[in-house]
Amino acid sequence: MSATAKKRAPMADDIRAAKGGTPLVSLTAYTTPMAQMMDAHCDFVLVGDSVGMVLHGLPSTLGVTMEMMIMHGQAVARGLTSAMMVIDMPFGSYEESPQQAFANAAQLMAETNAGAVKLEGGVAMAETIAFLVARGIPVMAHVGLTPQSINTLGGYKVQGRGDARAILMADAQAVSDAGAFAVVLEKVTAGLADEVTAQIAIPTIGIGASAGCDGQILVVDDMLGLFTAFKAKFVKRYAHLADDGEAAIAAYAADVRARTFPAQEHTFADEVPAK
């Protein structure tokens, strides 16, 4: 999908139809200014629960709430005109039952104007995905490394090796069959990602997967070098904004202490200047 060819924001069916075509481009966003920066370049923007770690300083995504997702979703929506917005369902908002998932997904979409929700899980969540889709909620699935399940996965490990290969393949097939319009493959082996992409009917969105996926996504704070607590192997930093920002703040602090800021051009005269 081309940014220059867009006449409206894509919908779930447009993303689904991109299977096998030009790779889909996506990033996470949590604020209006960041959404505005990426709007013309992304096919869809994800309001990710990664916001808990990169903006709120939480140790994982598990502490993210519905209220946080709604607040950030509303902010991102204000910055988008041509990219689709997908929003994460936070931990604890959908796992109990399909009915619970529908109530919370409907609230997220109604209060943020998101075009779809994303939830984690494969075979175990297929019934819930089908339930949501049947009731008008477009769903993007997420398999492989699922950060909300980090306590049962034993850490941020590569997924899909050995016996786990067949399990992950079954997860991807299950969410496709259940009606998801796309699936995120996170931190899975490149060969398995290519195999999944070839086998299932919906687009695969890679994050630490393979260039052969139907699209790619990164956490924007990772690729811009704003989040520096750690760097995953699959992250390519296209900028180093944390370093640049700290240098700018240090320069500002030095100017203030030296009384060189504000300079005359930053202040107002007692009299209105003559024209």
C-alpha atoms as a PDB file:
ATOM      1  CA  MET A   1       0.000   0.000   0.000  1.00  0.00           C
ATOM      2  CA  SER A   2       1.344   3.416  -0.948  1.00  0.00           C
ATOM      3  CA  ALA A   3       1.147   6.516   1.214  1.00  0.00           C
ATOM      4  CA  THR A   4       0.777   8.727  -1.869  1.00  0.00           C
ATOM      5  CA  ALA A   5      -2.103   6.648  -3.235  1.00  0.00           C
ATOM      6  CA  LYS A   6      -4.262   6.855  -0.136  1.00  0.00           C
ATOM      7  CA  LYS A   7      -7.557   8.713  -0.398  1.00  0.00           C
ATOM      8  CA  ARG A   8      -8.909   7.547   2.961  1.00  0.00           C
ATOM      9  CA  ALA A   9      -7.688   5.662   5.975  1.00  0.00           C
ATOM     10  CA  PRO A  10      -7.466   1.922   5.287  1.00  0.00           C
ATOM     11  CA  MET A  11      -9.965  -0.391   6.934  1.00  0.00           C
ATOM     12  CA  ALA A  12      -9.507  -3.969   8.097  1.00  0.00           C
ATOM     13  CA  ASP A  13     -10.525  -5.343   4.698  1.00  0.00           C
ATOM     14  CA  ASP A  14      -7.903  -3.162   2.994  1.00  0.00           C
ATOM     15  CA  ILE A  15      -5.192  -4.509   5.275  1.00  0.00           C
ATOM     16  CA  ARG A  16      -6.369  -8.062   4.641  1.00  0.00           C
ATOM     17  CA  ALA A  17      -6.325  -7.443   0.878  1.00  0.00           C
ATOM     18  CA  ALA A  18      -2.677  -6.357   1.057  1.00  0.00           C
ATOM     19  CA  LYS A  19      -1.613  -9.986   1.569  1.00  0.00           C
ATOM     20  CA  GLY A  20       1.313 -10.742  -0.725  1.00  0.00           C
ATOM     21  CA  GLY A  21       1.606  -7.172  -2.006  1.00  0.00           C
ATOM     22  CA  THR A  22       3.767  -4.205  -1.087  1.00  0.00           C
ATOM     23  CA  PRO A  23       4.802  -4.694   2.546  1.00  0.00           C
ATOM     24  CA  LEU A  24       2.575  -2.980   5.081  1.00  0.00           C
ATOM     25  CA  VAL A  25       4.232  -0.326   7.241  1.00  0.00           C
ATOM     26  CA  SER A  26       3.316   0.194  10.875  1.00  0.00           C
ATOM     27  CA  LEU A  27       4.637   1.791  14.047  1.00  0.00           C
ATOM     28  CA  THR A  28       3.284   2.279  17.533  1.00  0.00           C
ATOM     29  CA  ALA A  29       2.091   5.705  18.657  1.00  0.00           C
ATOM     30  CA  TYR A  30       0.837   7.050  21.967  1.00  0.00           C
ATOM     31  CA  THR A  31       0.575  10.830  21.447  1.00  0.00           C
ATOM     32  CA  THR A  32      -0.907  13.257  18.935  1.00  0.00           C
ATOM     33  CA  PRO A  33       2.415  14.739  17.729  1.00  0.00           C
ATOM     34  CA  MET A  34       3.930  11.305  17.124  1.00  0.00           C
ATOM     35  CA  ALA A  35       0.818  10.162  15.267  1.00  0.00           C
ATOM     36  CA  GLN A  36       1.029  13.243  13.052  1.00  0.00           C
ATOM     37  CA  MET A  37       4.663  12.462  12.222  1.00  0.00           C
ATOM     38  CA  MET A  38       3.926   8.943  11.016  1.00  0.00           C
ATOM     39  CA  ASP A  39       0.452   9.398   9.518  1.00  0.00           C
ATOM     40  CA  ALA A  40       1.571   9.830   5.898  1.00  0.00           C
ATOM     41  CA  HIS A  41       4.068   6.980   6.065  1.00  0.00           C
ATOM     42  CA  CYS A  42       2.180   4.157   7.812  1.00  0.00           C
ATOM     43  CA  ASP A  43      -0.652   1.967   6.585  1.00  0.00           C
ATOM     44  CA  PHE A  44      -1.797   1.443  10.156  1.00  0.00           C
ATOM     45  CA  VAL A  45      -0.699   2.799  13.515  1.00  0.00           C
ATOM     46  CA  LEU A  46      -0.886   0.682  16.658  1.00  0.00           C
ATOM     47  CA  VAL A  47      -1.738   2.224  19.999  1.00  0.00           C
ATOM     48  CA  GLY A  48       0.276  -0.425  21.784  1.00  0.00           C
ATOM     49  CA  ASP A  49       0.195  -1.473  25.402  1.00  0.00           C
ATOM     50  CA  SER A  50       3.959  -0.980  25.155  1.00  0.00           C
ATOM     51  CA  VAL A  51       2.994   2.544  26.241  1.00  0.00           C
ATOM     52  CA  GLY A  52       3.215   1.258  29.803  1.00  0.00           C
ATOM     53  CA  MET A  53       6.930   0.604  29.467  1.00  0.00           C
ATOM     54  CA  VAL A  54       8.093   3.376  27.150  1.00  0.00           C
ATOM     55  CA  LEU A  55       6.018   6.282  28.493  1.00  0.00           C
ATOM     56  CA  HIS A  56       4.898   5.290  31.996  1.00  0.00           C
ATOM     57  CA  GLY A  57       8.037   3.511  33.202  1.00  0.00           C
ATOM     58  CA  LEU A  58       6.312   0.224  34.028  1.00  0.00           C
ATOM     59  CA  PRO A  59       8.455  -2.944  34.088  1.00  0.00           C
ATOM     60  CA  SER A  60       6.115  -4.768  31.682  1.00  0.00           C
ATOM     61  CA  THR A  61       2.827  -4.318  29.832  1.00  0.00           C
ATOM     62  CA  LEU A  62       0.846  -6.088  32.551  1.00  0.00           C
ATOM     63  CA  GLY A  63       0.039  -2.913  34.486  1.00  0.00           C
ATOM     64  CA  VAL A  64      -1.585  -1.129  31.549  1.00  0.00           C
ATOM     65  CA  THR A  65      -5.277  -0.371  32.077  1.00  0.00           C
ATOM     66  CA  MET A  66      -8.294   0.268  29.894  1.00  0.00           C
ATOM     67  CA  GLU A  67      -8.245   3.884  31.026  1.00  0.00           C
ATOM     68  CA  MET A  68      -4.649   4.300  29.857  1.00  0.00           C
ATOM     69  CA  MET A  69      -5.393   2.743  26.471  1.00  0.00           C
ATOM     70  CA  ILE A  70      -8.448   4.940  25.962  1.00  0.00           C
ATOM     71  CA  MET A  71      -6.541   8.109  26.868  1.00  0.00           C
ATOM     72  CA  HIS A  72      -3.665   7.349  24.513  1.00  0.00           C
ATOM     73  CA  GLY A  73      -6.022   6.081  21.810  1.00  0.00           C
ATOM     74  CA  GLN A  74      -7.911   9.356  21.841  1.00  0.00           C
ATOM     75  CA  ALA A  75      -4.641  11.278  21.591  1.00  0.00           C
ATOM     76  CA  VAL A  76      -3.409   9.228  18.632  1.00  0.00           C
ATOM     77  CA  ALA A  77      -6.741   9.478  16.821  1.00  0.00           C
ATOM     78  CA  ARG A  78      -6.442  13.269  16.838  1.00  0.00           C
ATOM     79  CA  GLY A  79      -3.201  12.996  14.885  1.00  0.00           C
ATOM     80  CA  LEU A  80      -4.314  10.589  12.149  1.00  0.00           C
ATOM     81  CA  THR A  81      -6.071  11.332   8.882  1.00  0.00           C
ATOM     82  CA  SER A  82      -4.766   8.730   6.436  1.00  0.00           C
ATOM     83  CA  ALA A  83      -3.514   5.779   8.507  1.00  0.00           C
ATOM     84  CA  MET A  84      -5.752   3.192  10.167  1.00  0.00           C
ATOM     85  CA  MET A  85      -5.632   3.060  13.959  1.00  0.00           C
ATOM     86  CA  VAL A  86      -5.494  -0.289  15.751  1.00  0.00           C
ATOM     87  CA  ILE A  87      -5.572  -0.401  19.552  1.00  0.00           C
ATOM     88  CA  ASP A  88      -4.272  -3.053  21.938  1.00  0.00           C
ATOM     89  CA  MET A  89      -6.601  -4.709  24.406  1.00  0.00           C
ATOM     90  CA  PRO A  90      -4.753  -4.574  27.737  1.00  0.00           C
ATOM     91  CA  PHE A  91      -4.013  -7.562  29.932  1.00  0.00           C
ATOM     92  CA  GLY A  92      -7.093  -8.768  31.799  1.00  0.00           C
ATOM     93  CA  SER A  93      -9.596  -7.101  29.478  1.00  0.00           C
ATOM     94  CA  TYR A  94     -10.417 -10.059  27.213  1.00  0.00           C
ATOM     95  CA  GLU A  95      -9.107 -13.370  28.544  1.00  0.00           C
ATOM     96  CA  GLU A  96     -11.989 -14.269  30.877  1.00  0.00           C
ATOM     97  CA  SER A  97     -14.670 -14.796  28.236  1.00  0.00           C
ATOM     98  CA  PRO A  98     -15.736 -13.724  24.747  1.00  0.00           C
ATOM     99  CA  GLN A  99     -18.443 -11.622  26.373  1.00  0.00           C
ATOM    100  CA  GLN A 100     -15.893  -9.747  28.492  1.00  0.00           C
ATOM    101  CA  ALA A 101     -13.752  -9.231  25.407  1.00  0.00           C
ATOM    102  CA  PHE A 102     -16.667  -7.822  23.423  1.00  0.00           C
ATOM    103  CA  ALA A 103     -17.669  -5.365  26.135  1.00  0.00           C
ATOM    104  CA  ASN A 104     -14.138  -3.996  26.435  1.00  0.00           C
ATOM    105  CA  ALA A 105     -13.400  -4.045  22.705  1.00  0.00           C
ATOM    106  CA  ALA A 106     -16.618  -2.156  22.017  1.00  0.00           C
ATOM    107  CA  GLN A 107     -15.681   0.437  24.636  1.00  0.00           C
ATOM    108  CA  LEU A 108     -12.196   0.879  23.193  1.00  0.00           C
ATOM    109  CA  MET A 109     -13.509   1.363  19.673  1.00  0.00           C
ATOM    110  CA  ALA A 110     -16.395   3.625  20.680  1.00  0.00           C
ATOM    111  CA  GLU A 111     -14.277   5.919  22.849  1.00  0.00           C
ATOM    112  CA  THR A 112     -11.197   6.135  20.604  1.00  0.00           C
ATOM    113  CA  ASN A 113     -12.604   5.702  17.087  1.00  0.00           C
ATOM    114  CA  ALA A 114     -10.113   2.886  16.473  1.00  0.00           C
ATOM    115  CA  GLY A 115     -10.605   0.816  13.348  1.00  0.00           C
ATOM    116  CA  ALA A 116      -9.748  -2.465  15.064  1.00  0.00           C
ATOM    117  CA  VAL A 117      -8.466  -4.042  18.255  1.00  0.00           C
ATOM    118  CA  LYS A 118      -5.438  -6.275  18.725  1.00  0.00           C
ATOM    119  CA  LEU A 119      -5.263  -9.119  21.207  1.00  0.00           C
ATOM    120  CA  GLU A 120      -2.664 -11.722  22.062  1.00  0.00           C
ATOM    121  CA  GLY A 121      -3.055 -15.484  21.791  1.00  0.00           C
ATOM    122  CA  GLY A 122      -3.542 -18.231  19.246  1.00  0.00           C
ATOM    123  CA  VAL A 123      -5.621 -21.387  19.552  1.00  0.00           C
ATOM    124  CA  ALA A 124      -6.750 -20.401  23.052  1.00  0.00           C
ATOM    125  CA  MET A 125      -8.193 -17.106  21.792  1.00  0.00           C
ATOM    126  CA  ALA A 126      -9.694 -18.327  18.507  1.00  0.00           C
ATOM    127  CA  GLU A 127     -13.206 -18.576  19.944  1.00  0.00           C
ATOM    128  CA  THR A 128     -12.968 -15.044  21.300  1.00  0.00           C
ATOM    129  CA  ILE A 129     -11.713 -13.693  17.974  1.00  0.00           C
ATOM    130  CA  ALA A 130     -14.587 -15.351  16.117  1.00  0.00           C
ATOM    131  CA  PHE A 131     -17.059 -13.975  18.675  1.00  0.00           C
ATOM    132  CA  LEU A 132     -15.772 -10.429  18.216  1.00  0.00           C
ATOM    133  CA  VAL A 133     -15.625 -10.584  14.426  1.00  0.00           C
ATOM    134  CA  ALA A 134     -19.184 -11.933  14.256  1.00  0.00           C
ATOM    135  CA  ARG A 135     -20.292  -8.868  16.200  1.00  0.00           C
ATOM    136  CA  GLY A 136     -18.561  -6.271  14.070  1.00  0.00           C
ATOM    137  CA  ILE A 137     -15.224  -5.917  15.864  1.00  0.00           C
ATOM    138  CA  PRO A 138     -12.249  -6.272  13.484  1.00  0.00           C
ATOM    139  CA  VAL A 139      -9.427  -8.146  15.216  1.00  0.00           C
ATOM    140  CA  MET A 140      -5.696  -8.193  14.619  1.00  0.00           C
ATOM    141  CA  ALA A 141      -4.147 -11.220  16.310  1.00  0.00           C
ATOM    142  CA  HIS A 142      -0.697 -11.553  17.910  1.00  0.00           C
ATOM    143  CA  VAL A 143       1.226 -14.825  18.288  1.00  0.00           C
ATOM    144  CA  GLY A 144       4.785 -15.891  19.012  1.00  0.00           C
ATOM    145  CA  LEU A 145       6.258 -13.829  21.824  1.00  0.00           C
ATOM    146  CA  THR A 146       3.192 -12.418  23.553  1.00  0.00           C
ATOM    147  CA  PRO A 147       4.395  -9.902  26.169  1.00  0.00           C
ATOM    148  CA  GLN A 148       1.241 -10.175  28.276  1.00  0.00           C
ATOM    149  CA  SER A 149       2.144 -13.852  28.849  1.00  0.00           C
ATOM    150  CA  ILE A 150       5.745 -13.145  29.762  1.00  0.00           C
ATOM    151  CA  ASN A 151       5.438 -14.830  33.161  1.00  0.00           C
ATOM    152  CA  THR A 152       4.437 -18.129  31.570  1.00  0.00           C
ATOM    153  CA  LEU A 153       6.855 -17.862  28.637  1.00  0.00           C
ATOM    154  CA  GLY A 154       9.828 -17.575  30.981  1.00  0.00           C
ATOM    155  CA  GLY A 155      11.171 -14.322  29.559  1.00  0.00           C
ATOM    156  CA  TYR A 156      11.540 -12.570  26.225  1.00  0.00           C
ATOM    157  CA  LYS A 157      12.769 -15.655  24.371  1.00  0.00           C
ATOM    158  CA  VAL A 158      12.750 -16.497  20.674  1.00  0.00           C
ATOM    159  CA  GLN A 159       9.630 -18.494  19.847  1.00  0.00           C
ATOM    160  CA  GLY A 160       9.009 -21.331  17.399  1.00  0.00           C
ATOM    161  CA  ARG A 161      12.074 -23.509  17.781  1.00  0.00           C
ATOM    162  CA  GLY A 162      11.907 -27.282  18.144  1.00  0.00           C
ATOM    163  CA  ASP A 163       8.565 -28.690  19.262  1.00  0.00           C
ATOM    164  CA  ALA A 164       7.175 -25.165  19.619  1.00  0.00           C
ATOM    165  CA  ARG A 165       7.260 -24.761  15.843  1.00  0.00           C
ATOM    166  CA  ALA A 166       4.108 -26.800  15.281  1.00  0.00           C
ATOM    167  CA  ILE A 167       2.351 -25.045  18.162  1.00  0.00           C
ATOM    168  CA  LEU A 168       3.055 -21.608  16.735  1.00  0.00           C
ATOM    169  CA  MET A 169       1.969 -22.706  13.271  1.00  0.00           C
ATOM    170  CA  ALA A 170      -1.299 -23.973  14.747  1.00  0.00           C
ATOM    171  CA  ASP A 171      -1.779 -20.683  16.598  1.00  0.00           C
ATOM    172  CA  ALA A 172      -1.360 -18.656  13.411  1.00  0.00           C
ATOM    173  CA  GLN A 173      -3.710 -20.897  11.465  1.00  0.00           C
ATOM    174  CA  ALA A 174      -6.305 -20.775  14.239  1.00  0.00           C
ATOM    175  CA  VAL A 175      -6.485 -16.975  14.356  1.00  0.00           C
ATOM    176  CA  SER A 176      -6.673 -16.816  10.577  1.00  0.00           C
ATOM    177  CA  ASP A 177      -9.508 -19.331  10.507  1.00  0.00           C
ATOM    178  CA  ALA A 178     -11.272 -17.458  13.323  1.00  0.00           C
ATOM    179  CA  GLY A 179     -11.533 -14.322  11.207  1.00  0.00           C
ATOM    180  CA  ALA A 180      -8.628 -12.104  12.261  1.00  0.00           C
ATOM    181  CA  PHE A 181      -7.709  -9.746   9.409  1.00  0.00           C
ATOM    182  CA  ALA A 182      -3.961  -9.850  10.179  1.00  0.00           C
ATOM    183  CA  VAL A 183      -1.580 -11.363  12.704  1.00  0.00           C
ATOM    184  CA  VAL A 184       1.543 -10.009  14.382  1.00  0.00           C
ATOM    185  CA  LEU A 185       4.420 -12.501  14.557  1.00  0.00           C
ATOM    186  CA  GLU A 186       6.775 -11.431  17.337  1.00  0.00           C
ATOM    187  CA  LYS A 187      10.287 -12.764  17.895  1.00  0.00           C
ATOM    188  CA  VAL A 188       9.872 -15.968  15.912  1.00  0.00           C
ATOM    189  CA  THR A 189      12.506 -17.645  13.768  1.00  0.00           C
ATOM    190  CA  ALA A 190      12.799 -16.256  10.247  1.00  0.00           C
ATOM    191  CA  GLY A 191      12.169 -19.618   8.618  1.00  0.00           C
ATOM    192  CA  LEU A 192       9.001 -20.197  10.592  1.00  0.00           C
ATOM    193  CA  ALA A 193       7.782 -16.667   9.888  1.00  0.00           C
ATOM    194  CA  ASP A 194       8.200 -17.299   6.165  1.00  0.00           C
ATOM    195  CA  GLU A 195       6.384 -20.622   6.467  1.00  0.00           C
ATOM    196  CA  VAL A 196       3.477 -19.061   8.350  1.00  0.00           C
ATOM    197  CA  THR A 197       3.282 -16.224   5.828  1.00  0.00           C
ATOM    198  CA  ALA A 198       3.062 -18.694   2.962  1.00  0.00           C
ATOM    199  CA  GLN A 199       0.475 -20.898   4.669  1.00  0.00           C
ATOM    200  CA  ILE A 200      -2.149 -18.598   6.160  1.00  0.00           C
ATOM    201  CA  ALA A 201      -4.625 -16.430   4.277  1.00  0.00           C
ATOM    202  CA  ILE A 202      -4.111 -13.191   6.205  1.00  0.00           C
ATOM    203  CA  PRO A 203      -1.188 -10.748   6.289  1.00  0.00           C
ATOM    204  CA  THR A 204       1.612 -11.406   8.742  1.00  0.00           C
ATOM    205  CA  ILE A 205       3.111  -8.382  10.473  1.00  0.00           C
ATOM    206  CA  GLY A 206       6.627  -9.068  11.660  1.00  0.00           C
ATOM    207  CA  ILE A 207       8.439  -7.696  14.680  1.00  0.00           C
ATOM    208  CA  GLY A 208      11.607  -9.678  15.067  1.00  0.00           C
ATOM    209  CA  ALA A 209      10.417 -12.190  12.466  1.00  0.00           C
ATOM    210  CA  SER A 210      11.365 -12.012   8.763  1.00  0.00           C
ATOM    211  CA  ALA A 211      11.570  -9.565   5.879  1.00  0.00           C
ATOM    212  CA  GLY A 212       9.328 -12.055   4.098  1.00  0.00           C
ATOM    213  CA  CYS A 213       6.352 -11.114   6.271  1.00  0.00           C
ATOM    214  CA  ASP A 214       3.545  -9.126   4.680  1.00  0.00           C
ATOM    215  CA  GLY A 215       4.430  -6.097   6.809  1.00  0.00           C
ATOM    216  CA  GLN A 216       6.593  -4.836   9.634  1.00  0.00           C
ATOM    217  CA  ILE A 217       6.007  -3.012  12.907  1.00  0.00           C
ATOM    218  CA  LEU A 218       8.338  -1.518  15.514  1.00  0.00           C
ATOM    219  CA  VAL A 219       7.846   0.378  18.733  1.00  0.00           C
ATOM    220  CA  VAL A 220       8.462   3.954  17.634  1.00  0.00           C
ATOM    221  CA  ASP A 221      10.434   4.858  20.753  1.00  0.00           C
ATOM    222  CA  ASP A 222      12.790   1.963  19.983  1.00  0.00           C
ATOM    223  CA  MET A 223      13.453   2.893  16.353  1.00  0.00           C
ATOM    224  CA  LEU A 224      13.874   6.593  17.182  1.00  0.00           C
ATOM    225  CA  GLY A 225      16.259   5.860  20.043  1.00  0.00           C
ATOM    226  CA  LEU A 226      13.997   7.420  22.665  1.00  0.00           C
ATOM    227  CA  PHE A 227      13.659   4.263  24.778  1.00  0.00           C
ATOM    228  CA  THR A 228      17.135   3.277  25.924  1.00  0.00           C
ATOM    229  CA  ALA A 229      16.535   0.951  28.878  1.00  0.00           C
ATOM    230  CA  PHE A 230      17.364  -1.942  26.547  1.00  0.00           C
ATOM    231  CA  LYS A 231      17.524  -2.655  22.820  1.00  0.00           C
ATOM    232  CA  ALA A 232      16.137  -5.858  21.344  1.00  0.00           C
ATOM    233  CA  LYS A 233      18.173  -7.528  18.584  1.00  0.00           C
ATOM    234  CA  PHE A 234      15.368  -6.976  16.090  1.00  0.00           C
ATOM    235  CA  VAL A 235      15.338  -3.187  16.578  1.00  0.00           C
ATOM    236  CA  LYS A 236      17.075  -0.948  14.058  1.00  0.00           C
ATOM    237  CA  ARG A 237      17.616   2.543  15.424  1.00  0.00           C
ATOM    238  CA  TYR A 238      17.012   5.120  12.723  1.00  0.00           C
ATOM    239  CA  ALA A 239      17.787   8.011  15.086  1.00  0.00           C
ATOM    240  CA  HIS A 240      19.201   8.645  18.559  1.00  0.00           C
ATOM    241  CA  LEU A 241      16.721  11.164  19.885  1.00  0.00           C
ATOM    242  CA  ALA A 242      17.383  10.462  23.558  1.00  0.00           C
ATOM    243  CA  ASP A 243      21.019  11.485  23.079  1.00  0.00           C
ATOM    244  CA  ASP A 244      20.051  14.489  20.958  1.00  0.00           C
ATOM    245  CA  GLY A 245      17.401  15.524  23.464  1.00  0.00           C
ATOM    246  CA  GLU A 246      19.736  15.288  26.438  1.00  0.00           C
ATOM    247  CA  ALA A 247      22.362  17.340  24.606  1.00  0.00           C
ATOM    248  CA  ALA A 248      19.767  20.005  23.816  1.00  0.00           C
ATOM    249  CA  ILE A 249      18.589  20.110  27.442  1.00  0.00           C
ATOM    250  CA  ALA A 250      22.179  20.395  28.660  1.00  0.00           C
ATOM    251  CA  ALA A 251      22.749  23.321  26.268  1.00  0.00           C
ATOM    252  CA  TYR A 252      19.565  25.010  27.492  1.00  0.00           C
ATOM    253  CA  ALA A 253      20.591  24.555  31.132  1.00  0.00           C
ATOM    254  CA  ALA A 254      24.020  26.034  30.416  1.00  0.00           C
ATOM    255  CA  ASP A 255      22.472  29.057  28.658  1.00  0.00           C
ATOM    256  CA  VAL A 256      20.091  29.693  31.560  1.00  0.00           C
ATOM    257  CA  ARG A 257      22.867  29.520  34.154  1.00  0.00           C
ATOM    258  CA  ALA A 258      25.041  31.811  32.038  1.00  0.00           C
ATOM    259  CA  ARG A 259      22.123  34.229  31.546  1.00  0.00           C
ATOM    260  CA  THR A 260      22.490  33.951  27.771  1.00  0.00           C
ATOM    261  CA  PHE A 261      18.911  32.705  27.480  1.00  0.00           C
ATOM    262  CA  PRO A 262      16.585  34.381  27.018  1.00  0.00           C
ATOM    263  CA  ALA A 263      18.423  36.699  24.627  1.00  0.00           C
ATOM    264  CA  GLN A 264      16.981  39.978  23.354  1.00  0.00           C
ATOM    265  CA  GLU A 265      15.225  38.282  20.444  1.00  0.00           C
ATOM    266  CA  HIS A 266      13.281  36.118  22.917  1.00  0.00           C
ATOM    267  CA  THR A 267      11.962  39.029  25.026  1.00  0.00           C
ATOM    268  CA  PHE A 268       9.457  41.880  24.591  1.00  0.00           C
ATOM    269  CA  ALA A 269      10.220  45.616  24.574  1.00  0.00           C
ATOM    270  CA  ASP A 270       8.412  48.029  26.877  1.00  0.00           C
ATOM    271  CA  GLU A 271       7.234  50.031  23.873  1.00  0.00           C
ATOM    272  CA  VAL A 272       5.585  48.672  20.751  1.00  0.00           C
ATOM    273  CA  PRO A 273       8.263  48.734  18.027  1.00  0.00           C
ATOM    274  CA  ALA A 274       7.634  51.215  15.228  1.00  0.00           C
ATOM    275  CA  LYS A 275       6.676  49.652  11.940  1.00  0.00           C
END
